[in-house]
Each structure stands twice: as C-alpha cells, then as structure tokens.
C-alpha atoms as a PDB file:
ATOM      1  CA  ALA A   1      16.429  23.215  28.549  1.00  0.00           C
ATOM      2  CA  GLN A   2      15.331  19.957  26.950  1.00  0.00           C
ATOM      3  CA  MET A   3      17.273  18.171  24.186  1.00  0.00           C
ATOM      4  CA  GLY A   4      20.052  20.742  24.598  1.00  0.00           C
ATOM      5  CA  ILE A   5      17.851  23.431  23.029  1.00  0.00           C
ATOM      6  CA  PRO A   6      17.342  26.727  24.907  1.00  0.00           C
ATOM      7  CA  ASP A   7      13.999  27.198  26.653  1.00  0.00           C
ATOM      8  CA  GLY A   8      11.683  29.571  24.815  1.00  0.00           C
ATOM      9  CA  SER A   9      13.062  28.662  21.383  1.00  0.00           C
ATOM     10  CA  TYR A  10      10.464  25.970  20.647  1.00  0.00           C
ATOM     11  CA  ASP A  11       6.897  24.870  21.393  1.00  0.00           C
ATOM     12  CA  LEU A  12       6.492  21.443  23.008  1.00  0.00           C
ATOM     13  CA  ILE A  13       3.449  19.591  21.696  1.00  0.00           C
ATOM     14  CA  PRO A  14       2.374  16.785  24.061  1.00  0.00           C
ATOM     15  CA  LEU A  15       2.038  13.323  22.538  1.00  0.00           C
ATOM     16  CA  ASP A  16      -1.564  12.127  22.490  1.00  0.00           C
ATOM     17  CA  GLY A  17      -2.504   8.457  22.685  1.00  0.00           C
ATOM     18  CA  MET A  18      -2.414   7.907  18.922  1.00  0.00           C
ATOM     19  CA  LYS A  19       0.996   9.551  18.450  1.00  0.00           C
ATOM     20  CA  LYS A  20       2.421   7.490  21.327  1.00  0.00           C
ATOM     21  CA  THR A  21       1.008   4.272  19.880  1.00  0.00           C
ATOM     22  CA  VAL A  22       2.294   5.005  16.355  1.00  0.00           C
ATOM     23  CA  ALA A  23       5.720   6.015  17.717  1.00  0.00           C
ATOM     24  CA  ARG A  24       5.987   2.834  19.778  1.00  0.00           C
ATOM     25  CA  ARG A  25       4.810   0.505  16.999  1.00  0.00           C
ATOM     26  CA  MET A  26       7.069   2.075  14.353  1.00  0.00           C
ATOM     27  CA  SER A  27      10.087   2.036  16.689  1.00  0.00           C
ATOM     28  CA  ASP A  28       9.450  -1.597  17.645  1.00  0.00           C
ATOM     29  CA  SER A  29       9.074  -2.625  13.998  1.00  0.00           C
ATOM     30  CA  PHE A  30      12.151  -0.740  12.777  1.00  0.00           C
ATOM     31  CA  ARG A  31      14.238  -2.196  15.621  1.00  0.00           C
ATOM     32  CA  ASP A  32      12.964  -5.788  15.641  1.00  0.00           C
ATOM     33  CA  VAL A  33      12.052  -6.591  12.027  1.00  0.00           C
ATOM     34  CA  PRO A  34      14.779  -7.335   9.436  1.00  0.00           C
ATOM     35  CA  HIS A  35      13.503  -4.958   6.730  1.00  0.00           C
ATOM     36  CA  PHE A  36      14.700  -5.107   3.128  1.00  0.00           C
ATOM     37  CA  PRO A  37      13.320  -3.288   0.054  1.00  0.00           C
ATOM     38  CA  LEU A  38      12.671  -4.472  -3.505  1.00  0.00           C
ATOM     39  CA  THR A  39      11.866  -1.798  -6.120  1.00  0.00           C
ATOM     40  CA  ILE A  40      10.376  -2.226  -9.579  1.00  0.00           C
ATOM     41  CA  ASP A  41       9.177   0.164 -12.315  1.00  0.00           C
ATOM     42  CA  LEU A  42       5.734  -0.294 -13.855  1.00  0.00           C
ATOM     43  CA  GLU A  43       4.434   1.151 -17.125  1.00  0.00           C
ATOM     44  CA  ILE A  44       0.891   2.311 -16.377  1.00  0.00           C
ATOM     45  CA  ASP A  45      -0.429   3.832 -19.622  1.00  0.00           C
ATOM     46  CA  GLY A  46      -2.639   0.762 -20.140  1.00  0.00           C
ATOM     47  CA  LEU A  47      -3.853   0.998 -16.545  1.00  0.00           C
ATOM     48  CA  LEU A  48      -4.748   4.683 -16.950  1.00  0.00           C
ATOM     49  CA  ALA A  49      -6.607   3.999 -20.199  1.00  0.00           C
ATOM     50  CA  GLY A  50      -8.470   1.093 -18.588  1.00  0.00           C
ATOM     51  CA  ARG A  51      -9.353   3.250 -15.576  1.00  0.00           C
ATOM     52  CA  ALA A  52     -10.826   5.922 -17.864  1.00  0.00           C
ATOM     53  CA  LYS A  53     -13.062   3.298 -19.535  1.00  0.00           C
ATOM     54  CA  ILE A  54     -14.117   1.825 -16.183  1.00  0.00           C
ATOM     55  CA  ASN A  55     -15.005   5.259 -14.821  1.00  0.00           C
ATOM     56  CA  ALA A  56     -17.025   6.091 -17.929  1.00  0.00           C
ATOM     57  CA  MET A  57     -19.041   2.904 -17.314  1.00  0.00           C
ATOM     58  CA  LEU A  58     -19.502   3.672 -13.604  1.00  0.00           C
ATOM     59  CA  GLU A  59     -20.351   7.360 -14.032  1.00  0.00           C
ATOM     60  CA  LYS A  60     -24.123   6.820 -13.713  1.00  0.00           C
ATOM     61  CA  GLN A  61     -23.572   5.004 -10.409  1.00  0.00           C
ATOM     62  CA  GLY A  62     -21.583   7.938  -9.057  1.00  0.00           C
ATOM     63  CA  VAL A  63     -18.549   5.716  -8.470  1.00  0.00           C
ATOM     64  CA  LYS A  64     -15.016   6.729  -9.431  1.00  0.00           C
ATOM     65  CA  VAL A  65     -12.160   4.201  -9.392  1.00  0.00           C
ATOM     66  CA  SER A  66      -8.759   5.621  -8.441  1.00  0.00           C
ATOM     67  CA  VAL A  67      -5.321   4.328  -9.349  1.00  0.00           C
ATOM     68  CA  ASN A  68      -5.000   3.307  -5.702  1.00  0.00           C
ATOM     69  CA  ASP A  69      -8.159   1.168  -5.980  1.00  0.00           C
ATOM     70  CA  LEU A  70      -6.570  -0.659  -8.921  1.00  0.00           C
ATOM     71  CA  VAL A  71      -3.361  -1.079  -6.906  1.00  0.00           C
ATOM     72  CA  ILE A  72      -5.367  -2.609  -4.023  1.00  0.00           C
ATOM     73  CA  LYS A  73      -7.108  -5.054  -6.375  1.00  0.00           C
ATOM     74  CA  ALA A  74      -3.863  -6.029  -8.123  1.00  0.00           C
ATOM     75  CA  ALA A  75      -2.075  -6.485  -4.791  1.00  0.00           C
ATOM     76  CA  ALA A  76      -4.848  -8.764  -3.530  1.00  0.00           C
ATOM     77  CA  ILE A  77      -4.795 -10.921  -6.668  1.00  0.00           C
ATOM     78  CA  ALA A  78      -0.989 -11.129  -6.553  1.00  0.00           C
ATOM     79  CA  LEU A  79      -1.226 -12.299  -2.921  1.00  0.00           C
ATOM     80  CA  LYS A  80      -3.497 -15.143  -4.047  1.00  0.00           C
ATOM     81  CA  GLN A  81      -1.064 -15.999  -6.849  1.00  0.00           C
ATOM     82  CA  VAL A  82       1.939 -15.880  -4.488  1.00  0.00           C
ATOM     83  CA  PRO A  83       0.373 -16.902  -1.146  1.00  0.00           C
ATOM     84  CA  GLU A  84       3.762 -17.072   0.590  1.00  0.00           C
ATOM     85  CA  ALA A  85       3.767 -13.252   0.553  1.00  0.00           C
ATOM     86  CA  ASN A  86       0.415 -13.110   2.372  1.00  0.00           C
ATOM     87  CA  ALA A  87       1.925 -14.084   5.702  1.00  0.00           C
ATOM     88  CA  SER A  88       2.725 -12.815   9.185  1.00  0.00           C
ATOM     89  CA  TYR A  89       5.488 -13.648  11.657  1.00  0.00           C
ATOM     90  CA  SER A  90       4.928 -14.977  15.148  1.00  0.00           C
ATOM     91  CA  PRO A  91       7.335 -16.750  17.539  1.00  0.00           C
ATOM     92  CA  GLU A  92       5.190 -19.885  17.155  1.00  0.00           C
ATOM     93  CA  GLY A  93       5.436 -19.932  13.365  1.00  0.00           C
ATOM     94  CA  ILE A  94       4.445 -18.243  10.119  1.00  0.00           C
ATOM     95  CA  ALA A  95       0.731 -17.472   9.725  1.00  0.00           C
ATOM     96  CA  MET A  96      -0.329 -18.078   6.110  1.00  0.00           C
ATOM     97  CA  HIS A  97      -3.475 -16.024   5.567  1.00  0.00           C
ATOM     98  CA  HIS A  98      -6.466 -17.367   3.644  1.00  0.00           C
ATOM     99  CA  ASN A  99      -7.650 -13.938   2.488  1.00  0.00           C
ATOM    100  CA  ALA A 100      -6.017 -10.731   1.291  1.00  0.00           C
ATOM    101  CA  ASP A 101      -7.061  -8.144   3.878  1.00  0.00           C
ATOM    102  CA  ILE A 102      -5.428  -4.991   2.517  1.00  0.00           C
ATOM    103  CA  ALA A 103      -4.597  -2.214   4.987  1.00  0.00           C
ATOM    104  CA  MET A 104      -4.277   1.186   3.311  1.00  0.00           C
ATOM    105  CA  ALA A 105      -2.320   3.921   5.049  1.00  0.00           C
ATOM    106  CA  VAL A 106      -4.371   7.097   5.582  1.00  0.00           C
ATOM    107  CA  ALA A 107      -2.852  10.283   7.007  1.00  0.00           C
ATOM    108  CA  ILE A 108      -5.073  11.934   9.603  1.00  0.00           C
ATOM    109  CA  ASP A 109      -4.644  14.847  11.993  1.00  0.00           C
ATOM    110  CA  GLY A 110      -2.142  13.755  14.596  1.00  0.00           C
ATOM    111  CA  GLY A 111      -1.022  10.526  12.997  1.00  0.00           C
ATOM    112  CA  LEU A 112      -1.615   7.635  10.652  1.00  0.00           C
ATOM    113  CA  ILE A 113      -4.250   4.918  10.515  1.00  0.00           C
ATOM    114  CA  THR A 114      -4.640   1.852   8.286  1.00  0.00           C
ATOM    115  CA  PRO A 115      -8.279   0.986   7.498  1.00  0.00           C
ATOM    116  CA  ILE A 116      -8.701  -2.425   5.910  1.00  0.00           C
ATOM    117  CA  ILE A 117     -10.395  -3.703   2.753  1.00  0.00           C
ATOM    118  CA  ARG A 118     -11.325  -7.240   3.872  1.00  0.00           C
ATOM    119  CA  LYS A 119     -11.113 -10.119   1.371  1.00  0.00           C
ATOM    120  CA  ALA A 120     -10.095  -7.652  -1.347  1.00  0.00           C
ATOM    121  CA  GLU A 121      -9.401 -10.502  -3.774  1.00  0.00           C
ATOM    122  CA  THR A 122     -13.147 -11.318  -3.818  1.00  0.00           C
ATOM    123  CA  LYS A 123     -14.349  -7.773  -4.498  1.00  0.00           C
ATOM    124  CA  GLY A 124     -14.882  -5.909  -7.745  1.00  0.00           C
ATOM    125  CA  LEU A 125     -13.252  -2.562  -8.467  1.00  0.00           C
ATOM    126  CA  ALA A 126     -16.465  -0.599  -7.897  1.00  0.00           C
ATOM    127  CA  GLN A 127     -16.934  -2.171  -4.457  1.00  0.00           C
ATOM    128  CA  ILE A 128     -13.296  -1.543  -3.536  1.00  0.00           C
ATOM    129  CA  ALA A 129     -13.621   2.091  -4.671  1.00  0.00           C
ATOM    130  CA  VAL A 130     -16.759   2.666  -2.572  1.00  0.00           C
ATOM    131  CA  GLU A 131     -15.284   0.953   0.509  1.00  0.00           C
ATOM    132  CA  ALA A 132     -11.910   2.694   0.245  1.00  0.00           C
ATOM    133  CA  LYS A 133     -13.519   6.140  -0.070  1.00  0.00           C
ATOM    134  CA  ASP A 134     -15.858   5.483   2.870  1.00  0.00           C
ATOM    135  CA  LEU A 135     -13.071   4.115   5.094  1.00  0.00           C
ATOM    136  CA  ALA A 136     -10.729   7.011   4.278  1.00  0.00           C
ATOM    137  CA  GLU A 137     -13.426   9.620   4.969  1.00  0.00           C
ATOM    138  CA  ARG A 138     -14.379   8.024   8.290  1.00  0.00           C
ATOM    139  CA  ALA A 139     -10.701   7.607   9.193  1.00  0.00           C
ATOM    140  CA  ARG A 140     -10.164  11.359   8.820  1.00  0.00           C
ATOM    141  CA  THR A 141     -13.166  12.096  11.052  1.00  0.00           C
ATOM    142  CA  ARG A 142     -12.101   9.376  13.532  1.00  0.00           C
ATOM    143  CA  LYS A 143     -15.303   7.389  13.093  1.00  0.00           C
ATOM    144  CA  LEU A 144     -13.757   3.984  12.362  1.00  0.00           C
ATOM    145  CA  LYS A 145     -14.582   0.988  14.536  1.00  0.00           C
ATOM    146  CA  PRO A 146     -11.502  -0.843  15.927  1.00  0.00           C
ATOM    147  CA  GLU A 147     -12.187  -3.911  13.768  1.00  0.00           C
ATOM    148  CA  GLU A 148     -12.022  -1.680  10.675  1.00  0.00           C
ATOM    149  CA  PHE A 149      -8.362  -0.778  11.223  1.00  0.00           C
ATOM    150  CA  GLN A 150      -6.970  -3.631  13.339  1.00  0.00           C
ATOM    151  CA  GLY A 151      -5.584  -6.707  11.651  1.00  0.00           C
ATOM    152  CA  GLY A 152      -4.876  -6.807   7.942  1.00  0.00           C
ATOM    153  CA  THR A 153      -2.494  -9.141   6.163  1.00  0.00           C
ATOM    154  CA  PHE A 154      -0.662  -6.678   3.857  1.00  0.00           C
ATOM    155  CA  SER A 155      -0.311  -2.882   3.755  1.00  0.00           C
ATOM    156  CA  ILE A 156      -0.149  -0.262   1.003  1.00  0.00           C
ATOM    157  CA  SER A 157       1.166   3.286   1.412  1.00  0.00           C
ATOM    158  CA  ASN A 158       0.678   5.623  -1.553  1.00  0.00           C
ATOM    159  CA  LEU A 159       2.463   8.987  -1.668  1.00  0.00           C
ATOM    160  CA  GLY A 160       2.211   9.304  -5.437  1.00  0.00           C
ATOM    161  CA  MET A 161      -0.397  12.073  -5.216  1.00  0.00           C
ATOM    162  CA  MET A 162       2.246  14.175  -3.428  1.00  0.00           C
ATOM    163  CA  GLY A 163       4.785  13.706  -6.212  1.00  0.00           C
ATOM    164  CA  ILE A 164       7.028  11.307  -4.280  1.00  0.00           C
ATOM    165  CA  LYS A 165       8.924   9.227  -6.824  1.00  0.00           C
ATOM    166  CA  SER A 166      10.039   6.310  -4.641  1.00  0.00           C
ATOM    167  CA  PHE A 167      10.205   5.497  -0.932  1.00  0.00           C
ATOM    168  CA  ASN A 168      10.482   2.685   1.605  1.00  0.00           C
ATOM    169  CA  SER A 169       7.902   2.153   4.346  1.00  0.00           C
ATOM    170  CA  ILE A 170       8.206   0.692   7.830  1.00  0.00           C
ATOM    171  CA  ILE A 171       6.477  -2.687   8.079  1.00  0.00           C
ATOM    172  CA  ASN A 172       3.148  -2.810   9.901  1.00  0.00           C
ATOM    173  CA  GLU A 173       3.869  -5.669  12.306  1.00  0.00           C
ATOM    174  CA  PRO A 174       3.144  -8.562  12.284  1.00  0.00           C
ATOM    175  CA  GLN A 175       2.503  -8.337   8.534  1.00  0.00           C
ATOM    176  CA  GLY A 176       5.219  -9.710   6.287  1.00  0.00           C
ATOM    177  CA  ALA A 177       5.358  -6.844   3.773  1.00  0.00           C
ATOM    178  CA  ILE A 178       4.234  -3.334   2.845  1.00  0.00           C
ATOM    179  CA  LEU A 179       4.009  -1.811  -0.643  1.00  0.00           C
ATOM    180  CA  SER A 180       5.092   1.812  -1.160  1.00  0.00           C
ATOM    181  CA  VAL A 181       3.580   3.417  -4.277  1.00  0.00           C
ATOM    182  CA  GLY A 182       5.223   6.397  -5.965  1.00  0.00           C
ATOM    183  CA  ALA A 183       3.978   8.908  -8.521  1.00  0.00           C
ATOM    184  CA  GLY A 184       3.247   8.029 -12.123  1.00  0.00           C
ATOM    185  CA  GLU A 185       5.405  10.227 -14.348  1.00  0.00           C
ATOM    186  CA  GLN A 186       6.415  10.368 -17.977  1.00  0.00           C
ATOM    187  CA  ARG A 187       9.854   8.852 -18.483  1.00  0.00           C
ATOM    188  CA  PRO A 188      11.904   7.813 -21.504  1.00  0.00           C
ATOM    189  CA  VAL A 189      11.856   4.051 -22.107  1.00  0.00           C
ATOM    190  CA  VAL A 190      13.446   1.831 -24.739  1.00  0.00           C
ATOM    191  CA  LYS A 191      11.062  -0.393 -26.728  1.00  0.00           C
ATOM    192  CA  ASN A 192      12.364  -2.634 -29.506  1.00  0.00           C
ATOM    193  CA  GLY A 193      15.545  -0.580 -29.627  1.00  0.00           C
ATOM    194  CA  GLN A 194      13.622   2.672 -30.032  1.00  0.00           C
ATOM    195  CA  LEU A 195      13.321   5.484 -27.499  1.00  0.00           C
ATOM    196  CA  ALA A 196       9.735   6.159 -26.424  1.00  0.00           C
ATOM    197  CA  ILE A 197       7.854   7.972 -23.659  1.00  0.00           C
ATOM    198  CA  ALA A 198       5.777   6.009 -21.149  1.00  0.00           C
ATOM    199  CA  THR A 199       4.013   6.790 -17.885  1.00  0.00           C
ATOM    200  CA  VAL A 200       6.077   4.931 -15.298  1.00  0.00           C
ATOM    201  CA  MET A 201       5.358   4.321 -11.619  1.00  0.00           C
ATOM    202  CA  SER A 202       7.958   3.006  -9.158  1.00  0.00           C
ATOM    203  CA  VAL A 203       6.816   0.750  -6.318  1.00  0.00           C
ATOM    204  CA  THR A 204       8.863  -0.667  -3.456  1.00  0.00           C
ATOM    205  CA  LEU A 205       7.963  -3.823  -1.550  1.00  0.00           C
ATOM    206  CA  THR A 206       9.521  -3.716   1.920  1.00  0.00           C
ATOM    207  CA  CYS A 207       9.664  -7.230   3.349  1.00  0.00           C
ATOM    208  CA  ASP A 208      10.220  -8.889   6.722  1.00  0.00           C
ATOM    209  CA  HIS A 209      12.997 -11.318   5.812  1.00  0.00           C
ATOM    210  CA  ARG A 210      11.794 -13.770   8.467  1.00  0.00           C
ATOM    211  CA  VAL A 211       8.575 -14.194   6.483  1.00  0.00           C
ATOM    212  CA  VAL A 212       9.038 -12.948   2.911  1.00  0.00           C
ATOM    213  CA  ASP A 213      12.534 -13.564   1.563  1.00  0.00           C
ATOM    214  CA  GLY A 214      13.984 -12.064  -1.608  1.00  0.00           C
ATOM    215  CA  ALA A 215      12.742 -14.835  -3.888  1.00  0.00           C
ATOM    216  CA  ILE A 216       9.166 -14.637  -2.576  1.00  0.00           C
ATOM    217  CA  GLY A 217       9.166 -10.837  -2.709  1.00  0.00           C
ATOM    218  CA  ALA A 218      10.485 -10.847  -6.275  1.00  0.00           C
ATOM    219  CA  ARG A 219       7.847 -13.371  -7.385  1.00  0.00           C
ATOM    220  CA  TRP A 220       5.111 -11.252  -5.833  1.00  0.00           C
ATOM    221  CA  LEU A 221       6.382  -8.105  -7.584  1.00  0.00           C
ATOM    222  CA  GLN A 222       6.518  -9.961 -10.914  1.00  0.00           C
ATOM    223  CA  ALA A 223       2.886 -11.058 -10.480  1.00  0.00           C
ATOM    224  CA  PHE A 224       1.867  -7.535  -9.444  1.00  0.00           C
ATOM    225  CA  LYS A 225       3.681  -6.035 -12.454  1.00  0.00           C
ATOM    226  CA  VAL A 226       1.772  -8.259 -14.896  1.00  0.00           C
ATOM    227  CA  LEU A 227      -1.560  -7.248 -13.341  1.00  0.00           C
ATOM    228  CA  ILE A 228      -0.790  -3.514 -13.337  1.00  0.00           C
ATOM    229  CA  GLU A 229       0.746  -3.377 -16.824  1.00  0.00           C
ATOM    230  CA  ASP A 230      -2.010  -5.518 -18.388  1.00  0.00           C
ATOM    231  CA  PRO A 231      -5.062  -4.781 -16.208  1.00  0.00           C
ATOM    232  CA  ILE A 232      -7.368  -7.042 -18.233  1.00  0.00           C
ATOM    233  CA  THR A 233      -5.623  -9.882 -16.354  1.00  0.00           C
ATOM    234  CA  MET A 234      -7.322  -8.650 -13.154  1.00  0.00           C
ATOM    235  CA  ILE A 235     -10.698  -9.820 -14.422  1.00  0.00           C
ATOM    236  CA  VAL A 236      -9.630 -13.057 -16.104  1.00  0.00           C
END
C-alpha cells in the first residue's frame, strides 16, 4: 500500500516531465516566496460596452477581443505607470524590467503553461487578441517554442469563464506578482446613496513581498482599476 491507502483502491498515474516540472516550481515558489494577496472589485459595465463597440469595428477583420485581452492590455499599461511592480527577485538584486511581457496561464492536458505576450504595452488590442488566441491554441496542441513560454515579467490567471468569483494564485518565480481574475457578475452597489446593479469583477494581485510590497501593489491595483473601469484611458 502507498500513502496508507489499500492496493487496488486507486489508479496511480505516473508523473510526466511537465507535471514534475510544474509540481517542483509551484512547491519551490510556495515555500520560498513570501506571498501576500491584495483584492479589489472592479465595475466593468463600461468595459463590456467598449468591448462590444471594438468588436463591431473589428468584425470585418475576423478579430474578436475578449475581456482577457483587455485585462492584458490594462495590466501592461499599469506596469508602465507603476514600474516598481514590473520587477523580479534575484539574490543579486531586483530586476526592473523595461517592457511588460505578460505571461497568461493556459490549462492544457497534463498541466499548465504560460505563453507570453511580449511588450504588451506597445501593442493594440487587435494585435493582442490575435497573438493571445494563437498562443493559446498552440499551447493546447503543444506547438509552442520554448522562448514563447519562458521568461515573462508578470502573469495573469483568469478563471472567470468557469464562474470562480475570487482566488489567489501561486507566483510564477522569479516574477514579482501574478493577477488572478474572477468572473464578472451582477452585484448590488451603492452610487450617490442609491442602490444600483453593476457588473462587478474581483481581481487579486498576489505579490512577492521581497519585490512588490503592499504600497506598490496597492498603487498598481489603483492604476489597473482606472484603466478597466474607464477603458478610454487605455488609448489616451
């Protein structure tokens, strides 16, 4: 018997190379990195309306922008506005990155992989949408080149499409932070003393306290909130 469980009462699935690598990296990060989460609620009705207009404009090109594409763009701009959050830890010092290389978590058979949108702050929404779709499709068929999923300065994990309201992610070392994106849902909100209904999305920024402390993380979330709640600011 293994694990104190009687033989014949379970199937043992061997760990392949990817599962072993993910298990080791996640265990190392959870053990070695001082994680702490910061959560904020975002009203996204304006974002959803803006996305509908953008997609109407892009329809002839066959491009469709997702909420996650807008999140990637907003995260990249916020990293330029709060560059202290675009950083990685090393024993020699803190690496302050010049570009926002956004790693997006993609679930694949047998594990997880994080393809990267390079220099996302320099790219338009249509380009991000095309790249993200291509990377995700090739990730699922295991056709990514190593340079397409290694590196990255900041990660995003989105479980909103599965109805998850809020969650914390394990940091993708040596990055200083990872953003966890929950589902947009209608919630009661108070505006000018009146009760109203808004579409609200909760996001959690999990930070490596050695790199991104509470003040830096809070400033980044404030910048991100402005961009998401008033998406016209993404193109100004």
